[in-house]
Amino acid sequence: MPACVFCQIASGGVPAGIVFEDEQTLAFLDHRPVFPGHMLLIPREHIPTLNDVSPPLLSQLSANARLLAIAVEKALAAQGAFVAINNRVSQSVPHLHFHIVPRTKGDGLKGFFWPRSKYRDPAHMEETRAAMMRAINELKEGRV
C-alpha cells in the first residue's frame, strides 16, 4: 500500500532506525518516542488492525514483541516495558503496530497519557538503535 508510511518503511522507501527484522516483521525506533528506545513492531504486509491479522502472523508478532520487551530492558537498563496496540482509535497509522516502550519506576508515564520526548541528537538515536540490536542478537542466540 504505497500511501502507508509503515509499508514504505518496510519496503525501504522511507528511512527508519531499524532494530529488528525477520521475514514477516520489522521493528524500528519511533520518531516521536515516549522515551528513548520506544519501538514500533509491524508486519511487513499491510494489515490495518489487530482484527485483520491471521493467527500464525499474530503468533510471530507476539513472540517478537516479547523478544523486544526483554531486549529493551537489557539494552537500556529499563525496569520493564509497556507493550501496547491501538486498534483503530488512537491508531495514528492505519497499519497494525505494537508499541514497545522502556519503563522505569517514576518515569512519569501515567495511564494512557503519553508525553513525548526527543533523542538528544541523531547520535543518541543511533546509540539507542545499536544497543537494541546488540541485545536482540544476544537474546536470539540464547533463544530466551
N, C-alpha and C. Protein backbone atom coordinates (compact mmCIF):
# COMPACT_ATOMS: atom_id res chain seq x y z
N MET A 1 0.86 -1.18 0.00
CA MET A 1 0.00 0.00 0.00
C MET A 1 0.90 1.23 0.00
N PRO A 2 1.07 1.89 -1.15
CA PRO A 2 2.04 2.97 -1.30
C PRO A 2 1.83 4.17 -0.38
N ALA A 3 0.60 4.51 -0.02
CA ALA A 3 0.36 5.69 0.82
C ALA A 3 0.65 5.43 2.29
N CYS A 4 0.82 4.18 2.69
CA CYS A 4 1.05 3.83 4.08
C CYS A 4 2.53 4.01 4.41
N VAL A 5 2.83 4.89 5.37
CA VAL A 5 4.22 5.16 5.72
C VAL A 5 4.91 3.92 6.27
N PHE A 6 4.18 3.05 6.99
CA PHE A 6 4.81 1.84 7.51
C PHE A 6 5.14 0.87 6.39
N CYS A 7 4.30 0.80 5.37
CA CYS A 7 4.62 -0.02 4.20
C CYS A 7 5.84 0.53 3.48
N GLN A 8 5.95 1.85 3.44
CA GLN A 8 7.11 2.47 2.81
C GLN A 8 8.38 2.19 3.61
N ILE A 9 8.29 2.19 4.94
CA ILE A 9 9.44 1.83 5.78
C ILE A 9 9.80 0.36 5.53
N ALA A 10 8.79 -0.51 5.51
CA ALA A 10 9.04 -1.94 5.31
C ALA A 10 9.70 -2.24 3.96
N SER A 11 9.37 -1.45 2.96
CA SER A 11 9.95 -1.66 1.63
C SER A 11 11.29 -0.95 1.45
N GLY A 12 11.70 -0.17 2.45
CA GLY A 12 12.96 0.55 2.35
C GLY A 12 12.82 1.91 1.69
N GLY A 13 11.61 2.32 1.35
CA GLY A 13 11.39 3.60 0.68
C GLY A 13 11.49 4.81 1.61
N VAL A 14 11.28 4.60 2.88
CA VAL A 14 11.39 5.66 3.89
C VAL A 14 12.38 5.18 4.94
N PRO A 15 13.41 5.99 5.25
CA PRO A 15 14.39 5.54 6.23
C PRO A 15 13.81 5.48 7.64
N ALA A 16 14.32 4.54 8.43
CA ALA A 16 13.90 4.39 9.82
C ALA A 16 15.04 3.75 10.60
N GLY A 17 15.03 3.94 11.91
CA GLY A 17 16.04 3.34 12.79
C GLY A 17 15.67 1.90 13.08
N ILE A 18 15.95 1.01 12.15
CA ILE A 18 15.54 -0.39 12.28
C ILE A 18 16.38 -1.08 13.35
N VAL A 19 15.67 -1.80 14.24
CA VAL A 19 16.35 -2.53 15.31
C VAL A 19 16.17 -4.04 15.18
N PHE A 20 15.19 -4.48 14.41
CA PHE A 20 14.93 -5.91 14.26
C PHE A 20 14.15 -6.14 12.98
N GLU A 21 14.45 -7.25 12.34
CA GLU A 21 13.64 -7.65 11.19
C GLU A 21 13.75 -9.15 10.98
N ASP A 22 12.68 -9.72 10.51
CA ASP A 22 12.67 -11.09 10.04
C ASP A 22 11.82 -11.10 8.77
N GLU A 23 11.52 -12.27 8.28
CA GLU A 23 10.80 -12.36 7.01
C GLU A 23 9.42 -11.70 7.06
N GLN A 24 8.74 -11.78 8.21
CA GLN A 24 7.36 -11.29 8.29
C GLN A 24 7.18 -9.98 9.03
N THR A 25 8.18 -9.57 9.83
CA THR A 25 8.00 -8.41 10.70
C THR A 25 9.22 -7.50 10.67
N LEU A 26 9.00 -6.29 11.20
CA LEU A 26 10.05 -5.28 11.23
C LEU A 26 9.82 -4.40 12.46
N ALA A 27 10.90 -4.05 13.16
CA ALA A 27 10.78 -3.13 14.30
C ALA A 27 11.76 -1.98 14.10
N PHE A 28 11.29 -0.78 14.44
CA PHE A 28 12.11 0.41 14.26
C PHE A 28 11.79 1.40 15.38
N LEU A 29 12.73 2.30 15.63
CA LEU A 29 12.55 3.31 16.66
C LEU A 29 11.47 4.30 16.24
N ASP A 30 10.58 4.61 17.17
CA ASP A 30 9.54 5.61 16.93
C ASP A 30 10.22 6.96 16.76
N HIS A 31 9.85 7.73 15.76
CA HIS A 31 10.48 9.04 15.53
C HIS A 31 10.01 10.09 16.54
N ARG A 32 8.95 9.79 17.29
CA ARG A 32 8.48 10.66 18.38
C ARG A 32 8.32 9.79 19.63
N PRO A 33 9.43 9.36 20.21
CA PRO A 33 9.34 8.37 21.28
C PRO A 33 8.75 8.93 22.58
N VAL A 34 8.04 8.07 23.29
CA VAL A 34 7.64 8.39 24.65
C VAL A 34 8.92 8.54 25.49
N PHE A 35 9.82 7.58 25.36
CA PHE A 35 11.16 7.59 25.95
C PHE A 35 12.11 7.01 24.91
N PRO A 36 13.41 7.37 24.96
CA PRO A 36 14.36 6.74 24.03
C PRO A 36 14.28 5.22 24.14
N GLY A 37 14.26 4.58 22.99
CA GLY A 37 14.13 3.13 22.92
C GLY A 37 12.72 2.69 22.56
N HIS A 38 11.76 3.63 22.53
CA HIS A 38 10.38 3.33 22.13
C HIS A 38 10.41 2.82 20.69
N MET A 39 9.93 1.61 20.49
CA MET A 39 9.96 0.97 19.18
C MET A 39 8.55 0.67 18.70
N LEU A 40 8.42 0.51 17.40
CA LEU A 40 7.19 0.05 16.77
C LEU A 40 7.51 -1.25 16.04
N LEU A 41 6.72 -2.27 16.30
CA LEU A 41 6.84 -3.57 15.63
C LEU A 41 5.66 -3.70 14.69
N ILE A 42 5.95 -3.97 13.42
CA ILE A 42 4.89 -4.05 12.41
C ILE A 42 5.01 -5.34 11.60
N PRO A 43 3.90 -5.79 11.03
CA PRO A 43 4.02 -6.83 9.99
C PRO A 43 4.48 -6.14 8.71
N ARG A 44 5.30 -6.82 7.95
CA ARG A 44 5.75 -6.24 6.67
C ARG A 44 4.57 -6.06 5.71
N GLU A 45 3.65 -6.98 5.75
CA GLU A 45 2.44 -6.94 4.92
C GLU A 45 1.50 -5.87 5.49
N HIS A 46 0.80 -5.16 4.63
CA HIS A 46 -0.14 -4.16 5.11
C HIS A 46 -1.36 -4.84 5.72
N ILE A 47 -1.46 -4.71 7.03
CA ILE A 47 -2.60 -5.24 7.79
C ILE A 47 -3.10 -4.07 8.63
N PRO A 48 -4.31 -3.60 8.40
CA PRO A 48 -4.78 -2.39 9.08
C PRO A 48 -4.92 -2.50 10.59
N THR A 49 -5.50 -3.60 11.08
CA THR A 49 -5.79 -3.67 12.52
C THR A 49 -5.52 -5.07 13.05
N LEU A 50 -5.56 -5.18 14.36
CA LEU A 50 -5.41 -6.47 15.03
C LEU A 50 -6.48 -7.44 14.57
N ASN A 51 -7.65 -6.93 14.28
CA ASN A 51 -8.77 -7.77 13.83
C ASN A 51 -8.48 -8.45 12.50
N ASP A 52 -7.57 -7.89 11.72
CA ASP A 52 -7.31 -8.38 10.37
C ASP A 52 -6.14 -9.35 10.27
N VAL A 53 -5.40 -9.55 11.35
CA VAL A 53 -4.19 -10.36 11.29
C VAL A 53 -4.53 -11.84 11.44
N SER A 54 -3.81 -12.68 10.71
CA SER A 54 -4.02 -14.13 10.82
C SER A 54 -3.39 -14.65 12.11
N PRO A 55 -3.94 -15.71 12.68
CA PRO A 55 -3.36 -16.27 13.91
C PRO A 55 -1.87 -16.64 13.80
N PRO A 56 -1.41 -17.24 12.69
CA PRO A 56 0.03 -17.55 12.63
C PRO A 56 0.91 -16.28 12.66
N LEU A 57 0.49 -15.24 11.94
CA LEU A 57 1.27 -14.00 11.96
C LEU A 57 1.18 -13.33 13.32
N LEU A 58 0.03 -13.37 13.95
CA LEU A 58 -0.11 -12.81 15.29
C LEU A 58 0.82 -13.53 16.27
N SER A 59 0.96 -14.81 16.12
CA SER A 59 1.87 -15.58 16.96
C SER A 59 3.31 -15.09 16.77
N GLN A 60 3.70 -14.86 15.53
CA GLN A 60 5.06 -14.35 15.24
C GLN A 60 5.23 -12.94 15.80
N LEU A 61 4.24 -12.08 15.61
CA LEU A 61 4.31 -10.72 16.15
C LEU A 61 4.41 -10.75 17.68
N SER A 62 3.63 -11.60 18.31
CA SER A 62 3.66 -11.69 19.77
C SER A 62 5.00 -12.18 20.27
N ALA A 63 5.56 -13.19 19.62
CA ALA A 63 6.88 -13.69 20.00
C ALA A 63 7.93 -12.59 19.84
N ASN A 64 7.83 -11.82 18.76
CA ASN A 64 8.80 -10.75 18.54
C ASN A 64 8.58 -9.59 19.51
N ALA A 65 7.34 -9.30 19.87
CA ALA A 65 7.07 -8.26 20.87
C ALA A 65 7.69 -8.66 22.20
N ARG A 66 7.58 -9.93 22.56
CA ARG A 66 8.20 -10.44 23.78
C ARG A 66 9.72 -10.26 23.72
N LEU A 67 10.32 -10.66 22.61
CA LEU A 67 11.77 -10.50 22.42
C LEU A 67 12.18 -9.05 22.60
N LEU A 68 11.45 -8.14 21.98
CA LEU A 68 11.78 -6.72 22.05
C LEU A 68 11.57 -6.16 23.45
N ALA A 69 10.55 -6.61 24.16
CA ALA A 69 10.31 -6.15 25.53
C ALA A 69 11.46 -6.57 26.44
N ILE A 70 11.95 -7.78 26.26
CA ILE A 70 13.10 -8.24 27.05
C ILE A 70 14.35 -7.47 26.64
N ALA A 71 14.53 -7.27 25.34
CA ALA A 71 15.72 -6.58 24.83
C ALA A 71 15.79 -5.14 25.30
N VAL A 72 14.65 -4.45 25.37
CA VAL A 72 14.66 -3.05 25.78
C VAL A 72 15.11 -2.92 27.24
N GLU A 73 14.74 -3.89 28.07
CA GLU A 73 15.21 -3.89 29.46
C GLU A 73 16.73 -4.10 29.50
N LYS A 74 17.18 -5.08 28.75
CA LYS A 74 18.61 -5.41 28.72
C LYS A 74 19.45 -4.27 28.13
N ALA A 75 19.01 -3.73 27.03
CA ALA A 75 19.79 -2.72 26.31
C ALA A 75 19.86 -1.39 27.03
N LEU A 76 18.76 -1.02 27.69
CA LEU A 76 18.65 0.33 28.23
C LEU A 76 18.54 0.36 29.75
N ALA A 77 18.77 -0.78 30.39
CA ALA A 77 18.67 -0.89 31.85
C ALA A 77 17.30 -0.42 32.34
N ALA A 78 16.27 -0.72 31.55
CA ALA A 78 14.90 -0.39 31.95
C ALA A 78 14.43 -1.42 32.98
N GLN A 79 13.49 -1.01 33.79
CA GLN A 79 12.94 -1.92 34.80
C GLN A 79 11.77 -2.74 34.26
N GLY A 80 11.29 -2.37 33.11
CA GLY A 80 10.17 -3.08 32.49
C GLY A 80 9.89 -2.49 31.13
N ALA A 81 8.79 -2.91 30.56
CA ALA A 81 8.38 -2.41 29.25
C ALA A 81 6.87 -2.31 29.21
N PHE A 82 6.41 -1.31 28.51
CA PHE A 82 4.99 -1.12 28.22
C PHE A 82 4.80 -1.58 26.78
N VAL A 83 3.91 -2.54 26.57
CA VAL A 83 3.63 -3.05 25.23
C VAL A 83 2.16 -2.78 24.94
N ALA A 84 1.88 -2.10 23.83
CA ALA A 84 0.50 -1.71 23.55
C ALA A 84 0.21 -1.76 22.06
N ILE A 85 -1.07 -1.95 21.77
CA ILE A 85 -1.59 -1.88 20.41
C ILE A 85 -2.81 -0.98 20.46
N ASN A 86 -2.83 0.05 19.63
CA ASN A 86 -4.05 0.83 19.43
C ASN A 86 -4.76 0.19 18.25
N ASN A 87 -6.03 -0.06 18.39
CA ASN A 87 -6.80 -0.71 17.34
C ASN A 87 -7.87 0.25 16.86
N ARG A 88 -7.57 0.95 15.80
CA ARG A 88 -8.39 1.99 15.17
C ARG A 88 -8.34 3.30 15.95
N VAL A 89 -8.96 3.35 17.13
CA VAL A 89 -8.96 4.58 17.93
C VAL A 89 -7.53 4.85 18.40
N SER A 90 -7.06 6.05 18.17
CA SER A 90 -5.69 6.46 18.51
C SER A 90 -4.63 5.74 17.68
N GLN A 91 -5.03 5.06 16.64
CA GLN A 91 -4.07 4.39 15.76
C GLN A 91 -3.64 5.41 14.71
N SER A 92 -2.51 6.07 14.96
CA SER A 92 -2.09 7.19 14.11
C SER A 92 -1.75 6.76 12.69
N VAL A 93 -1.31 5.53 12.50
CA VAL A 93 -1.05 4.98 11.17
C VAL A 93 -1.93 3.74 11.04
N PRO A 94 -2.77 3.67 10.02
CA PRO A 94 -3.69 2.52 9.88
C PRO A 94 -2.97 1.27 9.37
N HIS A 95 -1.97 0.85 10.10
CA HIS A 95 -1.19 -0.36 9.82
C HIS A 95 -0.91 -0.94 11.20
N LEU A 96 -1.27 -2.18 11.43
CA LEU A 96 -1.09 -2.81 12.73
C LEU A 96 0.32 -2.57 13.25
N HIS A 97 0.42 -2.12 14.51
CA HIS A 97 1.75 -1.95 15.12
C HIS A 97 1.67 -2.06 16.63
N PHE A 98 2.70 -2.66 17.17
CA PHE A 98 2.88 -2.78 18.61
C PHE A 98 3.84 -1.68 19.04
N HIS A 99 3.51 -1.00 20.13
CA HIS A 99 4.44 -0.07 20.77
C HIS A 99 5.18 -0.85 21.85
N ILE A 100 6.49 -0.78 21.87
CA ILE A 100 7.29 -1.36 22.95
C ILE A 100 8.06 -0.19 23.54
N VAL A 101 7.73 0.16 24.78
CA VAL A 101 8.25 1.36 25.42
C VAL A 101 9.01 0.98 26.69
N PRO A 102 10.29 1.39 26.82
CA PRO A 102 11.01 1.10 28.07
C PRO A 102 10.40 1.86 29.24
N ARG A 103 10.36 1.21 30.41
CA ARG A 103 9.78 1.83 31.61
C ARG A 103 10.74 1.75 32.78
N THR A 104 10.71 2.77 33.60
CA THR A 104 11.40 2.77 34.89
C THR A 104 10.44 3.37 35.90
N LYS A 105 10.57 2.93 37.14
CA LYS A 105 9.71 3.45 38.20
C LYS A 105 9.90 4.96 38.29
N GLY A 106 8.78 5.68 38.34
CA GLY A 106 8.83 7.14 38.44
C GLY A 106 9.13 7.84 37.13
N ASP A 107 8.96 7.16 36.00
CA ASP A 107 9.29 7.79 34.71
C ASP A 107 8.25 8.80 34.24
N GLY A 108 7.14 8.91 34.95
CA GLY A 108 6.14 9.92 34.61
C GLY A 108 5.05 9.45 33.68
N LEU A 109 5.15 8.24 33.15
CA LEU A 109 4.10 7.73 32.27
C LEU A 109 2.93 7.28 33.13
N LYS A 110 1.79 7.88 32.92
CA LYS A 110 0.61 7.57 33.71
C LYS A 110 -0.54 7.19 32.78
N GLY A 111 -1.06 6.00 32.99
CA GLY A 111 -2.18 5.56 32.18
C GLY A 111 -1.86 5.63 30.70
N PHE A 112 -2.75 6.23 29.95
CA PHE A 112 -2.55 6.30 28.52
C PHE A 112 -2.17 7.71 28.05
N PHE A 113 -1.75 8.56 28.99
CA PHE A 113 -1.22 9.87 28.62
C PHE A 113 0.26 9.67 28.30
N TRP A 114 0.63 9.92 27.06
CA TRP A 114 1.98 9.65 26.62
C TRP A 114 2.72 10.95 26.33
N PRO A 115 3.41 11.50 27.31
CA PRO A 115 4.23 12.68 27.00
C PRO A 115 5.37 12.23 26.08
N ARG A 116 5.68 13.03 25.12
CA ARG A 116 6.74 12.68 24.16
C ARG A 116 8.04 13.35 24.54
N SER A 117 9.12 12.67 24.27
CA SER A 117 10.44 13.25 24.47
C SER A 117 11.22 13.05 23.18
N LYS A 118 12.39 13.64 23.12
CA LYS A 118 13.20 13.55 21.91
C LYS A 118 14.54 12.91 22.23
N TYR A 119 15.15 12.36 21.21
CA TYR A 119 16.54 11.95 21.33
C TYR A 119 17.37 13.23 21.42
N ARG A 120 18.47 13.17 22.16
CA ARG A 120 19.32 14.36 22.30
C ARG A 120 19.79 14.87 20.94
N ASP A 121 20.12 13.92 20.06
CA ASP A 121 20.61 14.24 18.73
C ASP A 121 20.61 12.94 17.92
N PRO A 122 20.96 13.00 16.64
CA PRO A 122 20.98 11.77 15.84
C PRO A 122 21.93 10.70 16.39
N ALA A 123 23.03 11.12 16.99
CA ALA A 123 23.96 10.15 17.57
C ALA A 123 23.31 9.38 18.72
N HIS A 124 22.51 10.07 19.53
CA HIS A 124 21.81 9.41 20.63
C HIS A 124 20.82 8.38 20.09
N MET A 125 20.11 8.73 19.02
CA MET A 125 19.18 7.79 18.40
C MET A 125 19.95 6.58 17.88
N GLU A 126 21.10 6.80 17.25
CA GLU A 126 21.91 5.71 16.70
C GLU A 126 22.46 4.83 17.82
N GLU A 127 22.91 5.43 18.92
CA GLU A 127 23.41 4.66 20.07
C GLU A 127 22.29 3.77 20.62
N THR A 128 21.09 4.31 20.71
CA THR A 128 19.94 3.55 21.21
C THR A 128 19.62 2.40 20.26
N ARG A 129 19.62 2.68 18.97
CA ARG A 129 19.33 1.65 17.96
C ARG A 129 20.37 0.54 18.04
N ALA A 130 21.66 0.89 18.12
CA ALA A 130 22.73 -0.11 18.16
C ALA A 130 22.63 -0.95 19.43
N ALA A 131 22.32 -0.33 20.57
CA ALA A 131 22.17 -1.08 21.82
C ALA A 131 21.03 -2.07 21.71
N MET A 132 19.92 -1.65 21.08
CA MET A 132 18.78 -2.55 20.91
C MET A 132 19.16 -3.73 20.01
N MET A 133 19.86 -3.47 18.92
CA MET A 133 20.25 -4.55 18.01
C MET A 133 21.18 -5.54 18.71
N ARG A 134 22.13 -5.04 19.50
CA ARG A 134 23.04 -5.93 20.24
C ARG A 134 22.24 -6.83 21.18
N ALA A 135 21.33 -6.23 21.94
CA ALA A 135 20.54 -7.00 22.90
C ALA A 135 19.66 -8.03 22.19
N ILE A 136 19.05 -7.65 21.09
CA ILE A 136 18.20 -8.58 20.34
C ILE A 136 19.03 -9.76 19.85
N ASN A 137 20.20 -9.48 19.29
CA ASN A 137 21.05 -10.56 18.78
C ASN A 137 21.49 -11.49 19.91
N GLU A 138 21.85 -10.93 21.07
CA GLU A 138 22.23 -11.75 22.21
C GLU A 138 21.07 -12.63 22.66
N LEU A 139 19.89 -12.05 22.70
CA LEU A 139 18.71 -12.80 23.13
C LEU A 139 18.36 -13.89 22.11
N LYS A 140 18.48 -13.58 20.83
CA LYS A 140 18.18 -14.57 19.81
C LYS A 140 19.16 -15.74 19.87
N GLU A 141 20.41 -15.47 20.14
CA GLU A 141 21.41 -16.53 20.25
C GLU A 141 21.12 -17.43 21.43
N GLY A 142 20.59 -16.86 22.53
CA GLY A 142 20.23 -17.64 23.70
C GLY A 142 18.83 -18.20 23.63
N ARG A 143 18.08 -17.76 22.64
CA ARG A 143 16.68 -18.17 22.44
C ARG A 143 15.88 -18.10 23.73
N VAL A 144 15.82 -16.92 24.30
CA VAL A 144 15.05 -16.69 25.53
C VAL A 144 13.58 -16.90 25.27
